[in-house]
Amino acid sequence: MHVSAQISVLINTLNEADKIRICVESVRWADEVIVVDMESDDGTADLARQMGCRVLNHKRMGYVEPARQFGVQQASYDWVLILDADETVSEATSVILKEIAKAENVSGVKLPRKNHWKGRFLNCCGWYPDRQLRFLRKTRSSFPTLIHHQPEVQGEIVSLPADGECFLVHDAVVSWASRLEKLARYGKFSADAMKQKGKSIGVLGIFARTTTAFIVNYLIKGGFLQGWLGLFLSMERACATFMKYTCLWEMYSDDKNA
């Protein structure tokens, strides 16, 4: 008889006291729940401990990838499901992932993610199926230190269907103000990564890429089918593009004026 693989869940947090409980409740089926907290000051870590989670501390970095690598390394079991505090998993997830974990040849799993804005499912502008490589073997995986980079996995990666019963649920846009603030922060980190790779851009390039991002999301990725929300989401994608490339342009401009 095949022994079921044991599974660790890793949740990364930074001031998520209002969300951590729902996230943890969705993974009660796991053999271990680890919370890696990045210097929260709202009681998130204490709440996680009260719920029986194993809580570890990591310095605040501004982005999550280093803390994820740290947390994965601390997991007790080889299979690790990685979540953010504003994410939960569907009810059928435990059954499906435990079955997949029995396959020796599989090293990672991409799960579709259902993003929401104030309870409304976002199914345009590339927001779905938004597959995330979040279930993996720690002995065959590593996280790059760059922002928004998928983990590097050695071996076969399975991609679950968008219309299946196993998926992540993400409270993606709480407010437009908080979203734009996040885009500004992430834009700086993305620009740093691009500059390290020797990439550069001019003013016309920024305009072209920003305009293209809006057109692609609004016309090609179905934003126009979702009314004002699709328009806003297309503008959000254009804004994200503008932020990161403007930050990149500014870095080179500052270097010239130094």
Protein backbone atom coordinates (compact mmCIF):
# COMPACT_ATOMS: atom_id res chain seq x y z
CA MET A 1 0.00 0.00 0.00
CA HIS A 2 1.34 3.43 -0.98
CA VAL A 3 1.89 5.73 1.97
CA SER A 4 0.39 9.19 1.45
CA ALA A 5 2.90 11.99 1.04
CA GLN A 6 2.95 14.51 3.87
CA ILE A 7 2.49 18.15 2.96
CA SER A 8 3.70 21.41 4.50
CA VAL A 9 1.91 24.70 3.82
CA LEU A 10 3.94 27.92 3.80
CA ILE A 11 2.15 31.25 4.30
CA ASN A 12 4.08 34.51 3.99
CA THR A 13 2.73 37.48 5.96
CA LEU A 14 3.20 41.20 6.55
CA ASN A 15 0.44 42.83 8.61
CA GLU A 16 -2.26 40.35 7.61
CA ALA A 17 -4.20 40.07 10.89
CA ASP A 18 -7.48 40.57 9.05
CA LYS A 19 -6.79 37.77 6.55
CA ILE A 20 -4.61 35.12 8.18
CA ARG A 21 -7.45 33.25 9.89
CA ILE A 22 -9.39 32.52 6.68
CA CYS A 23 -6.20 31.49 4.90
CA VAL A 24 -5.17 29.05 7.64
CA GLU A 25 -8.66 27.57 7.92
CA SER A 26 -8.54 26.64 4.23
CA VAL A 27 -5.45 24.44 4.77
CA ARG A 28 -6.33 22.70 8.03
CA TRP A 29 -5.94 19.42 6.13
CA ALA A 30 -2.16 19.91 5.79
CA ASP A 31 0.34 18.06 7.99
CA GLU A 32 2.09 21.33 8.88
CA VAL A 33 1.33 25.04 8.48
CA ILE A 34 4.29 27.42 8.61
CA VAL A 35 3.86 31.19 8.76
CA VAL A 36 6.92 33.24 7.81
CA ASP A 37 6.20 36.71 9.14
CA MET A 38 8.09 39.76 7.87
CA GLU A 39 8.05 42.03 10.92
CA SER A 40 4.29 42.54 11.23
CA ASP A 41 3.19 45.03 13.87
CA ASP A 42 -0.54 44.24 13.89
CA GLY A 43 -0.49 40.95 15.80
CA THR A 44 -0.41 38.66 12.75
CA ALA A 45 2.27 36.40 14.21
CA ASP A 46 0.42 36.01 17.53
CA LEU A 47 -2.82 35.11 15.74
CA ALA A 48 -1.01 32.50 13.68
CA ARG A 49 0.48 30.93 16.81
CA GLN A 50 -2.95 30.83 18.46
CA MET A 51 -4.20 28.88 15.45
CA GLY A 52 -1.48 26.28 15.87
CA CYS A 53 0.83 27.47 13.11
CA ARG A 54 4.59 27.22 13.34
CA VAL A 55 5.71 30.86 13.13
CA LEU A 56 9.12 31.96 11.86
CA ASN A 57 10.48 35.46 11.44
CA HIS A 58 12.14 37.03 8.40
CA LYS A 59 13.29 40.59 7.89
CA ARG A 60 11.09 42.85 5.78
CA MET A 61 12.39 42.98 2.21
CA GLY A 62 9.66 44.80 0.29
CA TYR A 63 8.96 41.67 -1.75
CA VAL A 64 8.34 38.06 -0.83
CA GLU A 65 10.74 35.81 -2.76
CA PRO A 66 13.61 35.67 -0.20
CA ALA A 67 11.14 34.87 2.61
CA ARG A 68 9.60 32.11 0.49
CA GLN A 69 12.99 30.51 -0.09
CA PHE A 70 13.68 30.68 3.65
CA GLY A 71 10.30 29.18 4.53
CA VAL A 72 10.56 26.34 2.04
CA GLN A 73 13.94 25.39 3.49
CA GLN A 74 12.41 25.21 6.99
CA ALA A 75 9.53 22.92 5.94
CA SER A 76 9.41 19.52 7.62
CA TYR A 77 8.15 17.72 4.52
CA ASP A 78 9.32 17.57 0.92
CA TRP A 79 6.04 18.71 -0.63
CA VAL A 80 5.24 22.37 0.10
CA LEU A 81 2.15 24.40 -0.84
CA ILE A 82 2.98 28.11 -0.90
CA LEU A 83 0.37 30.78 -0.19
CA ASP A 84 0.07 34.47 0.54
CA ALA A 85 -2.22 35.49 3.41
CA ASP A 86 -4.79 36.94 0.99
CA GLU A 87 -5.14 33.56 -0.73
CA THR A 88 -7.19 30.46 0.12
CA VAL A 89 -7.60 27.11 -1.60
CA SER A 90 -10.71 25.35 -2.86
CA GLU A 91 -12.27 22.54 -0.83
CA ALA A 92 -11.17 19.86 -3.31
CA THR A 93 -7.53 20.93 -3.21
CA SER A 94 -6.36 18.56 -0.48
CA VAL A 95 -7.58 15.42 -2.27
CA ILE A 96 -6.10 16.38 -5.62
CA LEU A 97 -2.71 17.54 -4.33
CA LYS A 98 -2.28 14.49 -2.11
CA GLU A 99 -2.86 12.27 -5.14
CA ILE A 100 -0.35 14.22 -7.23
CA ALA A 101 2.22 14.05 -4.43
CA LYS A 102 2.28 10.26 -4.75
CA ALA A 103 3.79 10.50 -8.23
CA GLU A 104 7.56 10.20 -7.90
CA ASN A 105 8.20 11.79 -11.29
CA VAL A 106 6.35 15.02 -10.52
CA SER A 107 8.33 17.91 -9.01
CA GLY A 108 5.92 20.83 -9.18
CA VAL A 109 2.32 21.82 -9.85
CA LYS A 110 0.88 24.99 -11.38
CA LEU A 111 -2.52 25.87 -9.91
CA PRO A 112 -5.02 28.20 -11.58
CA ARG A 113 -5.79 31.26 -9.46
CA LYS A 114 -9.14 33.03 -9.30
CA ASN A 115 -8.48 36.70 -8.60
CA HIS A 116 -11.24 38.88 -7.14
CA TRP A 117 -12.01 42.58 -6.68
CA LYS A 118 -14.46 43.14 -3.81
CA GLY A 119 -15.89 39.68 -4.40
CA ARG A 120 -16.10 40.00 -8.20
CA PHE A 121 -14.25 37.35 -10.20
CA LEU A 122 -11.72 38.89 -12.60
CA ASN A 123 -11.74 36.80 -15.78
CA CYS A 124 -10.24 39.23 -18.30
CA CYS A 125 -6.97 41.09 -18.95
CA GLY A 126 -4.88 38.03 -18.11
CA TRP A 127 -6.23 37.69 -14.58
CA TYR A 128 -7.42 34.13 -15.23
CA PRO A 129 -6.35 31.37 -15.21
CA ASP A 130 -3.21 33.12 -13.85
CA ARG A 131 -1.51 29.78 -13.09
CA GLN A 132 0.95 29.87 -10.18
CA LEU A 133 3.73 27.37 -9.51
CA ARG A 134 2.94 26.96 -5.83
CA PHE A 135 3.04 23.21 -5.03
CA LEU A 136 6.54 21.77 -5.25
CA ARG A 137 9.17 19.47 -3.82
CA LYS A 138 11.62 21.51 -1.78
CA THR A 139 14.49 19.13 -2.61
CA ARG A 140 14.06 19.89 -6.31
CA SER A 141 13.28 23.61 -6.12
CA SER A 142 14.77 27.01 -5.41
CA PHE A 143 13.52 30.59 -5.47
CA PRO A 144 15.37 33.33 -7.35
CA THR A 145 15.97 36.53 -5.40
CA LEU A 146 14.25 38.67 -8.06
CA ILE A 147 10.71 39.93 -7.62
CA HIS A 148 7.84 38.12 -9.39
CA HIS A 149 10.04 35.26 -10.59
CA GLN A 150 8.69 31.73 -10.50
CA PRO A 151 10.63 29.12 -8.50
CA GLU A 152 13.13 27.03 -10.41
CA VAL A 153 12.10 23.37 -10.38
CA GLN A 154 14.07 20.35 -11.56
CA GLY A 155 11.76 17.71 -13.04
CA GLU A 156 8.25 17.48 -14.42
CA ILE A 157 5.77 20.29 -13.74
CA VAL A 158 2.04 19.52 -13.93
CA SER A 159 -0.40 22.29 -14.90
CA LEU A 160 -3.92 21.83 -13.51
CA PRO A 161 -6.93 22.68 -15.72
CA ALA A 162 -8.63 26.05 -15.42
CA ASP A 163 -12.06 24.41 -15.18
CA GLY A 164 -11.04 21.88 -12.51
CA GLU A 165 -11.83 21.71 -8.80
CA CYS A 166 -8.33 22.58 -7.55
CA PHE A 167 -7.52 26.30 -7.56
CA LEU A 168 -6.35 29.25 -5.48
CA VAL A 169 -8.69 32.09 -4.55
CA HIS A 170 -7.00 35.50 -4.35
CA ASP A 171 -8.38 38.75 -2.93
CA ALA A 172 -6.30 40.62 -5.47
CA VAL A 173 -7.62 44.18 -5.50
CA VAL A 174 -8.81 45.49 -2.13
CA SER A 175 -8.82 49.10 -3.29
CA TRP A 176 -7.43 50.93 -6.27
CA ALA A 177 -5.31 53.15 -4.02
CA SER A 178 -3.58 50.16 -2.42
CA ARG A 179 -3.16 48.55 -5.84
CA LEU A 180 -1.44 51.60 -7.30
CA GLU A 181 0.79 51.85 -4.25
CA LYS A 182 1.84 48.23 -4.79
CA LEU A 183 2.50 48.84 -8.48
CA ALA A 184 4.83 51.73 -7.61
CA ARG A 185 6.75 49.59 -5.14
CA TYR A 186 6.97 46.57 -7.43
CA GLY A 187 7.92 48.80 -10.36
CA LYS A 188 11.11 49.85 -8.58
CA PHE A 189 12.10 46.24 -7.85
CA SER A 190 11.34 45.18 -11.43
CA ALA A 191 13.43 48.06 -12.75
CA ASP A 192 16.34 47.02 -10.54
CA ALA A 193 16.14 43.50 -11.95
CA MET A 194 16.04 44.76 -15.55
CA LYS A 195 19.00 47.05 -15.01
CA GLN A 196 21.01 44.17 -13.56
CA LYS A 197 20.39 42.36 -16.86
CA GLY A 198 21.62 45.37 -18.83
CA LYS A 199 18.21 46.44 -20.14
CA SER A 200 17.46 50.10 -20.83
CA ILE A 201 14.65 52.15 -22.39
CA GLY A 202 13.94 55.62 -23.77
CA VAL A 203 10.96 57.91 -23.40
CA LEU A 204 9.39 56.78 -26.68
CA GLY A 205 9.85 53.18 -25.60
CA ILE A 206 7.98 53.87 -22.35
CA PHE A 207 5.10 55.43 -24.29
CA ALA A 208 4.98 52.56 -26.79
CA ARG A 209 5.04 49.81 -24.18
CA THR A 210 2.45 51.53 -21.97
CA THR A 211 0.08 52.09 -24.89
CA THR A 212 0.56 48.54 -26.12
CA ALA A 213 -0.18 47.14 -22.68
CA PHE A 214 -3.52 48.95 -22.59
CA ILE A 215 -4.52 47.92 -26.11
CA VAL A 216 -3.60 44.28 -25.60
CA ASN A 217 -5.51 44.00 -22.33
CA TYR A 218 -8.56 45.99 -23.41
CA LEU A 219 -9.02 44.63 -26.92
CA ILE A 220 -7.22 41.29 -27.11
CA LYS A 221 -7.60 40.01 -23.55
CA GLY A 222 -11.26 40.93 -23.25
CA GLY A 223 -11.26 44.01 -21.07
CA PHE A 224 -13.92 45.66 -23.24
CA LEU A 225 -16.31 42.78 -22.43
CA GLN A 226 -16.30 43.62 -18.70
CA GLY A 227 -17.58 47.19 -18.81
CA TRP A 228 -15.96 49.79 -16.56
CA LEU A 229 -14.11 47.11 -14.57
CA GLY A 230 -12.42 45.81 -17.71
CA LEU A 231 -11.45 49.37 -18.58
CA PHE A 232 -9.95 49.92 -15.13
CA LEU A 233 -8.09 46.61 -15.24
CA SER A 234 -6.64 47.47 -18.65
CA MET A 235 -5.51 50.83 -17.30
CA GLU A 236 -4.01 49.05 -14.28
CA ARG A 237 -1.92 46.84 -16.57
CA ALA A 238 -0.79 49.90 -18.52
CA CYS A 239 0.06 51.66 -15.27
CA ALA A 240 2.16 48.69 -14.11
CA THR A 241 4.09 48.82 -17.38
CA PHE A 242 4.56 52.59 -17.09
CA MET A 243 5.79 52.31 -13.50
CA LYS A 244 8.53 49.74 -14.09
CA TYR A 245 9.89 51.24 -17.31
CA THR A 246 9.81 54.80 -16.00
CA CYS A 247 11.77 53.64 -12.95
CA LEU A 248 14.27 51.97 -15.29
CA TRP A 249 14.62 55.13 -17.41
CA GLU A 250 15.04 57.23 -14.25
CA MET A 251 17.89 55.04 -12.99
CA TYR A 252 19.94 55.63 -16.14
CA SER A 253 19.04 59.33 -16.12
CA ASP A 254 20.26 59.64 -12.53
CA ASP A 255 23.50 57.83 -13.43
CA LYS A 256 24.18 60.33 -16.22
CA ASN A 257 23.55 63.29 -13.94
CA ALA A 258 25.59 61.94 -11.03
